[in-house]
Amino acid sequence: MVDWKITATTIYCDAVCDEVTLLVKSDWSMKCVGFDKYGKPDSEACARLRTRGKEMNRQLGCEGLGCSQLHHYKEKLLAEEAREGSSTGGAG
């Protein structure tokens, strides 16, 4: 059982070419703060994505809740929890 309420990390997201913050709550629900900005981008964010995409020669866009980076972060936390549980003998 986790003994934290929420954890977060900031990463560079290649899908939108910007830093985003990933949040995971103790119930393992997940959120990417970048989704608020890039999931349904306003005109300013759309223009930024188009400009960066042209510079990089590819189309940029948020992957939404299916984002692999969000799921990798959750898996990393689950693995850390499993290691901590096994190092304490599974007591809890």
PDB file of N, CA and C in Angstrom:
ATOM      1  N   MET A   1       0.843  -1.190   0.000  1.00  0.00           N
ATOM      2  CA  MET A   1       0.000   0.000   0.000  1.00  0.00           C
ATOM      3  C   MET A   1       0.877   1.239   0.000  1.00  0.00           C
ATOM      4  N   VAL A   2       0.534   2.178  -0.828  1.00  0.00           N
ATOM      5  CA  VAL A   2       1.315   3.406  -0.915  1.00  0.00           C
ATOM      6  C   VAL A   2       1.062   4.272   0.316  1.00  0.00           C
ATOM      7  N   ASP A   3       2.110   4.998   0.719  1.00  0.00           N
ATOM      8  CA  ASP A   3       1.952   5.888   1.868  1.00  0.00           C
ATOM      9  C   ASP A   3       2.107   7.343   1.456  1.00  0.00           C
ATOM     10  N   TRP A   4       1.812   7.633   0.192  1.00  0.00           N
ATOM     11  CA  TRP A   4       1.845   8.994  -0.311  1.00  0.00           C
ATOM     12  C   TRP A   4       0.497   9.298  -0.948  1.00  0.00           C
ATOM     13  N   LYS A   5       0.186  10.569  -1.079  1.00  0.00           N
ATOM     14  CA  LYS A   5      -1.101  10.973  -1.642  1.00  0.00           C
ATOM     15  C   LYS A   5      -1.008  11.284  -3.135  1.00  0.00           C
ATOM     16  N   ILE A   6       0.089  11.932  -3.540  1.00  0.00           N
ATOM     17  CA  ILE A   6       0.276  12.291  -4.936  1.00  0.00           C
ATOM     18  C   ILE A   6       1.770  12.442  -5.188  1.00  0.00           C
ATOM     19  N   THR A   7       2.192  12.090  -6.366  1.00  0.00           N
ATOM     20  CA  THR A   7       3.573  12.296  -6.760  1.00  0.00           C
ATOM     21  C   THR A   7       3.578  12.890  -8.168  1.00  0.00           C
ATOM     22  N   ALA A   8       4.617  13.624  -8.455  1.00  0.00           N
ATOM     23  CA  ALA A   8       4.686  14.295  -9.754  1.00  0.00           C
ATOM     24  C   ALA A   8       6.123  14.335 -10.242  1.00  0.00           C
ATOM     25  N   THR A   9       6.254  14.426 -11.548  1.00  0.00           N
ATOM     26  CA  THR A   9       7.559  14.622 -12.171  1.00  0.00           C
ATOM     27  C   THR A   9       7.359  15.476 -13.408  1.00  0.00           C
ATOM     28  N   THR A  10       8.344  16.251 -13.742  1.00  0.00           N
ATOM     29  CA  THR A  10       8.304  17.053 -14.952  1.00  0.00           C
ATOM     30  C   THR A  10       9.252  16.429 -15.965  1.00  0.00           C
ATOM     31  N   ILE A  11       8.750  16.226 -17.158  1.00  0.00           N
ATOM     32  CA  ILE A  11       9.528  15.594 -18.226  1.00  0.00           C
ATOM     33  C   ILE A  11       9.469  16.458 -19.478  1.00  0.00           C
ATOM     34  N   TYR A  12      10.357  16.176 -20.413  1.00  0.00           N
ATOM     35  CA  TYR A  12      10.274  16.783 -21.733  1.00  0.00           C
ATOM     36  C   TYR A  12       9.458  15.835 -22.599  1.00  0.00           C
ATOM     37  N   CYS A  13       8.359  16.318 -23.121  1.00  0.00           N
ATOM     38  CA  CYS A  13       7.480  15.499 -23.949  1.00  0.00           C
ATOM     39  C   CYS A  13       7.794  15.732 -25.418  1.00  0.00           C
ATOM     40  N   ASP A  14       8.266  14.684 -26.101  1.00  0.00           N
ATOM     41  CA  ASP A  14       8.585  14.780 -27.525  1.00  0.00           C
ATOM     42  C   ASP A  14       7.344  15.000 -28.386  1.00  0.00           C
ATOM     43  N   ALA A  15       6.198  14.544 -27.903  1.00  0.00           N
ATOM     44  CA  ALA A  15       4.977  14.657 -28.699  1.00  0.00           C
ATOM     45  C   ALA A  15       4.551  16.105 -28.904  1.00  0.00           C
ATOM     46  N   VAL A  16       4.867  16.976 -27.923  1.00  0.00           N
ATOM     47  CA  VAL A  16       4.494  18.391 -28.028  1.00  0.00           C
ATOM     48  C   VAL A  16       5.704  19.319 -27.955  1.00  0.00           C
ATOM     49  N   CYS A  17       6.888  18.747 -27.817  1.00  0.00           N
ATOM     50  CA  CYS A  17       8.136  19.529 -27.727  1.00  0.00           C
ATOM     51  C   CYS A  17       8.055  20.585 -26.629  1.00  0.00           C
ATOM     52  N   ASP A  18       7.685  20.146 -25.446  1.00  0.00           N
ATOM     53  CA  ASP A  18       7.580  21.057 -24.306  1.00  0.00           C
ATOM     54  C   ASP A  18       7.691  20.236 -23.030  1.00  0.00           C
ATOM     55  N   GLU A  19       7.984  20.916 -21.931  1.00  0.00           N
ATOM     56  CA  GLU A  19       7.997  20.241 -20.635  1.00  0.00           C
ATOM     57  C   GLU A  19       6.565  20.130 -20.123  1.00  0.00           C
ATOM     58  N   VAL A  20       6.253  18.980 -19.557  1.00  0.00           N
ATOM     59  CA  VAL A  20       4.931  18.735 -18.981  1.00  0.00           C
ATOM     60  C   VAL A  20       5.124  18.067 -17.621  1.00  0.00           C
ATOM     61  N   THR A  21       4.127  18.196 -16.778  1.00  0.00           N
ATOM     62  CA  THR A  21       4.174  17.563 -15.456  1.00  0.00           C
ATOM     63  C   THR A  21       3.201  16.397 -15.431  1.00  0.00           C
ATOM     64  N   LEU A  22       3.713  15.244 -14.998  1.00  0.00           N
ATOM     65  CA  LEU A  22       2.906  14.041 -14.850  1.00  0.00           C
ATOM     66  C   LEU A  22       2.552  13.879 -13.380  1.00  0.00           C
ATOM     67  N   LEU A  23       1.284  13.597 -13.092  1.00  0.00           N
ATOM     68  CA  LEU A  23       0.803  13.415 -11.723  1.00  0.00           C
ATOM     69  C   LEU A  23       0.227  12.014 -11.571  1.00  0.00           C
ATOM     70  N   VAL A  24       0.554  11.366 -10.465  1.00  0.00           N
ATOM     71  CA  VAL A  24      -0.045  10.074 -10.141  1.00  0.00           C
ATOM     72  C   VAL A  24      -0.512  10.153  -8.693  1.00  0.00           C
ATOM     73  N   LYS A  25      -1.784   9.823  -8.474  1.00  0.00           N
ATOM     74  CA  LYS A  25      -2.345   9.830  -7.122  1.00  0.00           C
ATOM     75  C   LYS A  25      -2.190   8.452  -6.501  1.00  0.00           C
ATOM     76  N   SER A  26      -2.381   8.381  -5.199  1.00  0.00           N
ATOM     77  CA  SER A  26      -2.188   7.120  -4.479  1.00  0.00           C
ATOM     78  C   SER A  26      -3.172   6.040  -4.924  1.00  0.00           C
ATOM     79  N   ASP A  27      -4.281   6.413  -5.550  1.00  0.00           N
ATOM     80  CA  ASP A  27      -5.218   5.412  -6.085  1.00  0.00           C
ATOM     81  C   ASP A  27      -4.825   4.989  -7.503  1.00  0.00           C
ATOM     82  N   TRP A  28      -3.647   5.458  -7.971  1.00  0.00           N
ATOM     83  CA  TRP A  28      -3.030   5.170  -9.253  1.00  0.00           C
ATOM     84  C   TRP A  28      -3.733   5.857 -10.428  1.00  0.00           C
ATOM     85  N   SER A  29      -4.616   6.808 -10.138  1.00  0.00           N
ATOM     86  CA  SER A  29      -5.156   7.612 -11.229  1.00  0.00           C
ATOM     87  C   SER A  29      -4.057   8.554 -11.707  1.00  0.00           C
ATOM     88  N   MET A  30      -4.071   8.875 -13.001  1.00  0.00           N
ATOM     89  CA  MET A  30      -2.972   9.625 -13.604  1.00  0.00           C
ATOM     90  C   MET A  30      -3.496  10.848 -14.334  1.00  0.00           C
ATOM     91  N   LYS A  31      -2.615  11.836 -14.443  1.00  0.00           N
ATOM     92  CA  LYS A  31      -2.949  13.037 -15.196  1.00  0.00           C
ATOM     93  C   LYS A  31      -1.665  13.652 -15.727  1.00  0.00           C
ATOM     94  N   CYS A  32      -1.737  14.145 -16.927  1.00  0.00           N
ATOM     95  CA  CYS A  32      -0.654  14.932 -17.496  1.00  0.00           C
ATOM     96  C   CYS A  32      -1.151  16.366 -17.587  1.00  0.00           C
ATOM     97  N   VAL A  33      -0.452  17.281 -16.944  1.00  0.00           N
ATOM     98  CA  VAL A  33      -0.848  18.679 -16.975  1.00  0.00           C
ATOM     99  C   VAL A  33      -0.743  19.225 -18.401  1.00  0.00           C
ATOM    100  N   GLY A  34       0.136  18.663 -19.200  1.00  0.00           N
ATOM    101  CA  GLY A  34       0.259  19.068 -20.590  1.00  0.00           C
ATOM    102  C   GLY A  34      -0.998  18.791 -21.402  1.00  0.00           C
ATOM    103  N   PHE A  35      -1.778  17.805 -20.971  1.00  0.00           N
ATOM    104  CA  PHE A  35      -3.023  17.486 -21.670  1.00  0.00           C
ATOM    105  C   PHE A  35      -3.985  18.663 -21.603  1.00  0.00           C
ATOM    106  N   ASP A  36      -3.979  19.384 -20.468  1.00  0.00           N
ATOM    107  CA  ASP A  36      -4.838  20.556 -20.334  1.00  0.00           C
ATOM    108  C   ASP A  36      -4.488  21.606 -21.389  1.00  0.00           C
ATOM    109  N   LYS A  37      -3.210  21.700 -21.692  1.00  0.00           N
ATOM    110  CA  LYS A  37      -2.736  22.710 -22.633  1.00  0.00           C
ATOM    111  C   LYS A  37      -2.763  22.216 -24.077  1.00  0.00           C
ATOM    112  N   TYR A  38      -2.376  20.969 -24.295  1.00  0.00           N
ATOM    113  CA  TYR A  38      -2.203  20.457 -25.656  1.00  0.00           C
ATOM    114  C   TYR A  38      -3.228  19.420 -26.091  1.00  0.00           C
ATOM    115  N   GLY A  39      -4.031  18.906 -25.180  1.00  0.00           N
ATOM    116  CA  GLY A  39      -5.034  17.905 -25.545  1.00  0.00           C
ATOM    117  C   GLY A  39      -6.097  18.481 -26.466  1.00  0.00           C
ATOM    118  N   LYS A  40      -6.593  19.639 -26.118  1.00  0.00           N
ATOM    119  CA  LYS A  40      -7.517  20.406 -26.957  1.00  0.00           C
ATOM    120  C   LYS A  40      -6.973  21.827 -26.972  1.00  0.00           C
ATOM    121  N   PRO A  41      -5.920  22.036 -27.755  1.00  0.00           N
ATOM    122  CA  PRO A  41      -5.196  23.307 -27.687  1.00  0.00           C
ATOM    123  C   PRO A  41      -6.015  24.503 -28.177  1.00  0.00           C
ATOM    124  N   ASP A  42      -5.798  25.639 -27.508  1.00  0.00           N
ATOM    125  CA  ASP A  42      -6.395  26.875 -27.986  1.00  0.00           C
ATOM    126  C   ASP A  42      -5.600  27.346 -29.204  1.00  0.00           C
ATOM    127  N   SER A  43      -5.988  28.451 -29.775  1.00  0.00           N
ATOM    128  CA  SER A  43      -5.347  28.903 -31.019  1.00  0.00           C
ATOM    129  C   SER A  43      -3.862  29.207 -30.824  1.00  0.00           C
ATOM    130  N   GLU A  44      -3.502  29.730 -29.657  1.00  0.00           N
ATOM    131  CA  GLU A  44      -2.087  30.028 -29.395  1.00  0.00           C
ATOM    132  C   GLU A  44      -1.255  28.751 -29.321  1.00  0.00           C
ATOM    133  N   ALA A  45      -1.761  27.756 -28.601  1.00  0.00           N
ATOM    134  CA  ALA A  45      -1.034  26.482 -28.492  1.00  0.00           C
ATOM    135  C   ALA A  45      -0.983  25.772 -29.842  1.00  0.00           C
ATOM    136  N   CYS A  46      -2.048  25.861 -30.627  1.00  0.00           N
ATOM    137  CA  CYS A  46      -2.060  25.252 -31.969  1.00  0.00           C
ATOM    138  C   CYS A  46      -0.983  25.879 -32.836  1.00  0.00           C
ATOM    139  N   ALA A  47      -0.885  27.188 -32.788  1.00  0.00           N
ATOM    140  CA  ALA A  47       0.120  27.884 -33.592  1.00  0.00           C
ATOM    141  C   ALA A  47       1.524  27.473 -33.169  1.00  0.00           C
ATOM    142  N   ARG A  48       1.740  27.350 -31.857  1.00  0.00           N
ATOM    143  CA  ARG A  48       3.042  26.932 -31.341  1.00  0.00           C
ATOM    144  C   ARG A  48       3.388  25.518 -31.811  1.00  0.00           C
ATOM    145  N   LEU A  49       2.413  24.606 -31.755  1.00  0.00           N
ATOM    146  CA  LEU A  49       2.644  23.231 -32.213  1.00  0.00           C
ATOM    147  C   LEU A  49       2.940  23.194 -33.709  1.00  0.00           C
ATOM    148  N   ARG A  50       2.198  23.986 -34.495  1.00  0.00           N
ATOM    149  CA  ARG A  50       2.437  24.029 -35.942  1.00  0.00           C
ATOM    150  C   ARG A  50       3.840  24.536 -36.249  1.00  0.00           C
ATOM    151  N   THR A  51       4.234  25.628 -35.576  1.00  0.00           N
ATOM    152  CA  THR A  51       5.554  26.217 -35.814  1.00  0.00           C
ATOM    153  C   THR A  51       6.660  25.244 -35.432  1.00  0.00           C
ATOM    154  N   ARG A  52       6.564  24.658 -34.255  1.00  0.00           N
ATOM    155  CA  ARG A  52       7.580  23.690 -33.825  1.00  0.00           C
ATOM    156  C   ARG A  52       7.599  22.471 -34.733  1.00  0.00           C
ATOM    157  N   GLY A  53       6.415  22.027 -35.143  1.00  0.00           N
ATOM    158  CA  GLY A  53       6.327  20.871 -36.027  1.00  0.00           C
ATOM    159  C   GLY A  53       7.014  21.116 -37.365  1.00  0.00           C
ATOM    160  N   LYS A  54       6.822  22.315 -37.908  1.00  0.00           N
ATOM    161  CA  LYS A  54       7.479  22.650 -39.178  1.00  0.00           C
ATOM    162  C   LYS A  54       8.993  22.669 -38.998  1.00  0.00           C
ATOM    163  N   GLU A  55       9.449  23.216 -37.872  1.00  0.00           N
ATOM    164  CA  GLU A  55      10.888  23.250 -37.591  1.00  0.00           C
ATOM    165  C   GLU A  55      11.470  21.847 -37.485  1.00  0.00           C
ATOM    166  N   MET A  56      10.684  20.919 -36.952  1.00  0.00           N
ATOM    167  CA  MET A  56      11.162  19.556 -36.725  1.00  0.00           C
ATOM    168  C   MET A  56      10.782  18.607 -37.860  1.00  0.00           C
ATOM    169  N   ASN A  57      10.045  19.108 -38.833  1.00  0.00           N
ATOM    170  CA  ASN A  57       9.625  18.297 -39.970  1.00  0.00           C
ATOM    171  C   ASN A  57       8.719  17.134 -39.570  1.00  0.00           C
ATOM    172  N   ARG A  58       7.848  17.361 -38.613  1.00  0.00           N
ATOM    173  CA  ARG A  58       6.884  16.336 -38.214  1.00  0.00           C
ATOM    174  C   ARG A  58       5.689  16.998 -37.549  1.00  0.00           C
ATOM    175  N   GLN A  59       4.603  16.265 -37.483  1.00  0.00           N
ATOM    176  CA  GLN A  59       3.393  16.788 -36.863  1.00  0.00           C
ATOM    177  C   GLN A  59       3.460  16.540 -35.359  1.00  0.00           C
ATOM    178  N   LEU A  60       3.157  17.560 -34.583  1.00  0.00           N
ATOM    179  CA  LEU A  60       3.162  17.439 -33.129  1.00  0.00           C
ATOM    180  C   LEU A  60       1.736  17.397 -32.617  1.00  0.00           C
ATOM    181  N   GLY A  61       1.538  16.686 -31.524  1.00  0.00           N
ATOM    182  CA  GLY A  61       0.218  16.633 -30.905  1.00  0.00           C
ATOM    183  C   GLY A  61       0.239  15.767 -29.663  1.00  0.00           C
ATOM    184  N   CYS A  62      -0.592  16.138 -28.728  1.00  0.00           N
ATOM    185  CA  CYS A  62      -0.716  15.406 -27.465  1.00  0.00           C
ATOM    186  C   CYS A  62      -1.324  14.028 -27.728  1.00  0.00           C
ATOM    187  N   GLU A  63      -0.779  13.017 -27.058  1.00  0.00           N
ATOM    188  CA  GLU A  63      -1.284  11.650 -27.203  1.00  0.00           C
ATOM    189  C   GLU A  63      -2.449  11.368 -26.253  1.00  0.00           C
ATOM    190  N   GLY A  64      -2.771  12.314 -25.397  1.00  0.00           N
ATOM    191  CA  GLY A  64      -3.896  12.153 -24.480  1.00  0.00           C
ATOM    192  C   GLY A  64      -3.615  11.144 -23.382  1.00  0.00           C
ATOM    193  N   LEU A  65      -4.673  10.520 -22.895  1.00  0.00           N
ATOM    194  CA  LEU A  65      -4.535   9.597 -21.766  1.00  0.00           C
ATOM    195  C   LEU A  65      -3.829   8.305 -22.141  1.00  0.00           C
ATOM    196  N   GLY A  66      -3.649   8.048 -23.420  1.00  0.00           N
ATOM    197  CA  GLY A  66      -2.917   6.865 -23.866  1.00  0.00           C
ATOM    198  C   GLY A  66      -1.424   7.104 -23.982  1.00  0.00           C
ATOM    199  N   CYS A  67      -0.958   8.225 -23.476  1.00  0.00           N
ATOM    200  CA  CYS A  67       0.444   8.618 -23.591  1.00  0.00           C
ATOM    201  C   CYS A  67       1.365   7.575 -22.963  1.00  0.00           C
ATOM    202  N   SER A  68       2.337   7.145 -23.741  1.00  0.00           N
ATOM    203  CA  SER A  68       3.261   6.123 -23.254  1.00  0.00           C
ATOM    204  C   SER A  68       4.135   6.641 -22.108  1.00  0.00           C
ATOM    205  N   GLN A  69       4.497   7.917 -22.130  1.00  0.00           N
ATOM    206  CA  GLN A  69       5.341   8.448 -21.056  1.00  0.00           C
ATOM    207  C   GLN A  69       4.607   8.460 -19.715  1.00  0.00           C
ATOM    208  N   LEU A  70       3.316   8.758 -19.758  1.00  0.00           N
ATOM    209  CA  LEU A  70       2.505   8.739 -18.542  1.00  0.00           C
ATOM    210  C   LEU A  70       2.433   7.325 -17.978  1.00  0.00           C
ATOM    211  N   HIS A  71       2.232   6.358 -18.850  1.00  0.00           N
ATOM    212  CA  HIS A  71       2.143   4.970 -18.402  1.00  0.00           C
ATOM    213  C   HIS A  71       3.501   4.433 -17.944  1.00  0.00           C
ATOM    214  N   HIS A  72       4.593   4.869 -18.564  1.00  0.00           N
ATOM    215  CA  HIS A  72       5.930   4.462 -18.112  1.00  0.00           C
ATOM    216  C   HIS A  72       6.212   4.998 -16.708  1.00  0.00           C
ATOM    217  N   TYR A  73       5.797   6.220 -16.440  1.00  0.00           N
ATOM    218  CA  TYR A  73       5.999   6.799 -15.107  1.00  0.00           C
ATOM    219  C   TYR A  73       5.208   5.998 -14.063  1.00  0.00           C
ATOM    220  N   LYS A  74       3.975   5.648 -14.380  1.00  0.00           N
ATOM    221  CA  LYS A  74       3.171   4.846 -13.454  1.00  0.00           C
ATOM    222  C   LYS A  74       3.828   3.488 -13.216  1.00  0.00           C
ATOM    223  N   GLU A  75       4.303   2.842 -14.272  1.00  0.00           N
ATOM    224  CA  GLU A  75       4.972   1.542 -14.137  1.00  0.00           C
ATOM    225  C   GLU A  75       6.232   1.656 -13.274  1.00  0.00           C
ATOM    226  N   LYS A  76       6.967   2.743 -13.435  1.00  0.00           N
ATOM    227  CA  LYS A  76       8.159   2.975 -12.619  1.00  0.00           C
ATOM    228  C   LYS A  76       7.772   3.067 -11.146  1.00  0.00           C
ATOM    229  N   LEU A  77       6.705   3.794 -10.850  1.00  0.00           N
ATOM    230  CA  LEU A  77       6.250   3.922  -9.462  1.00  0.00           C
ATOM    231  C   LEU A  77       5.776   2.581  -8.905  1.00  0.00           C
ATOM    232  N   LEU A  78       5.068   1.820  -9.722  1.00  0.00           N
ATOM    233  CA  LEU A  78       4.612   0.498  -9.279  1.00  0.00           C
ATOM    234  C   LEU A  78       5.793  -0.412  -8.964  1.00  0.00           C
ATOM    235  N   ALA A  79       6.832  -0.354  -9.803  1.00  0.00           N
ATOM    236  CA  ALA A  79       8.031  -1.164  -9.567  1.00  0.00           C
ATOM    237  C   ALA A  79       8.730  -0.734  -8.278  1.00  0.00           C
ATOM    238  N   GLU A  80       8.802   0.574  -8.046  1.00  0.00           N
ATOM    239  CA  GLU A  80       9.417   1.070  -6.815  1.00  0.00           C
ATOM    240  C   GLU A  80       8.629   0.600  -5.597  1.00  0.00           C
ATOM    241  N   GLU A  81       7.306   0.639  -5.682  1.00  0.00           N
ATOM    242  CA  GLU A  81       6.464   0.172  -4.582  1.00  0.00           C
ATOM    243  C   GLU A  81       6.685  -1.317  -4.326  1.00  0.00           C
ATOM    244  N   ALA A  82       6.804  -2.090  -5.391  1.00  0.00           N
ATOM    245  CA  ALA A  82       7.024  -3.530  -5.255  1.00  0.00           C
ATOM    246  C   ALA A  82       8.374  -3.801  -4.584  1.00  0.00           C
ATOM    247  N   ARG A  83       9.426  -3.052  -4.992  1.00  0.00           N
ATOM    248  CA  ARG A  83      10.740  -3.237  -4.384  1.00  0.00           C
ATOM    249  C   ARG A  83      10.710  -2.867  -2.905  1.00  0.00           C
ATOM    250  N   GLU A  84      10.040  -1.769  -2.570  1.00  0.00           N
ATOM    251  CA  GLU A  84       9.954  -1.358  -1.172  1.00  0.00           C
ATOM    252  C   GLU A  84       9.194  -2.392  -0.350  1.00  0.00           C
ATOM    253  N   GLY A  85       8.126  -2.943  -0.941  1.00  0.00           N
ATOM    254  CA  GLY A  85       7.351  -3.956  -0.244  1.00  0.00           C
ATOM    255  C   GLY A  85       8.140  -5.212   0.001  1.00  0.00           C
ATOM    256  N   SER A  86       8.964  -5.601  -0.970  1.00  0.00           N
ATOM    257  CA  SER A  86       9.762  -6.826  -0.796  1.00  0.00           C
ATOM    258  C   SER A  86      10.943  -6.590   0.139  1.00  0.00           C
ATOM    259  N   SER A  87      11.457  -5.352   0.192  1.00  0.00           N
ATOM    260  CA  SER A  87      12.596  -5.093   1.082  1.00  0.00           C
ATOM    261  C   SER A  87      12.153  -4.997   2.542  1.00  0.00           C
ATOM    262  N   THR A  88      10.863  -4.772   2.786  1.00  0.00           N
ATOM    263  CA  THR A  88      10.374  -4.723   4.162  1.00  0.00           C
ATOM    264  C   THR A  88       9.702  -6.029   4.540  1.00  0.00           C
ATOM    265  N   GLY A  89       9.889  -7.016   3.687  1.00  0.00           N
ATOM    266  CA  GLY A  89       9.306  -8.326   3.981  1.00  0.00           C
ATOM    267  C   GLY A  89       7.833  -8.404   3.667  1.00  0.00           C
ATOM    268  N   GLY A  90       7.321  -7.389   2.952  1.00  0.00           N
ATOM    269  CA  GLY A  90       5.921  -7.408   2.574  1.00  0.00           C
ATOM    270  C   GLY A  90       5.001  -7.005   3.698  1.00  0.00           C
ATOM    271  N   ALA A  91       5.539  -6.632   4.835  1.00  0.00           N
ATOM    272  CA  ALA A  91       4.705  -6.233   5.948  1.00  0.00           C
ATOM    273  C   ALA A  91       4.117  -4.862   5.684  1.00  0.00           C
ATOM    274  N   GLY A  92       2.910  -4.660   6.141  1.00  0.00           N
ATOM    275  CA  GLY A  92       2.373  -3.324   5.948  1.00  0.00           C
ATOM    276  C   GLY A  92       1.038  -3.207   6.446  1.00  0.00           C
TER     277      GLY A  92
END
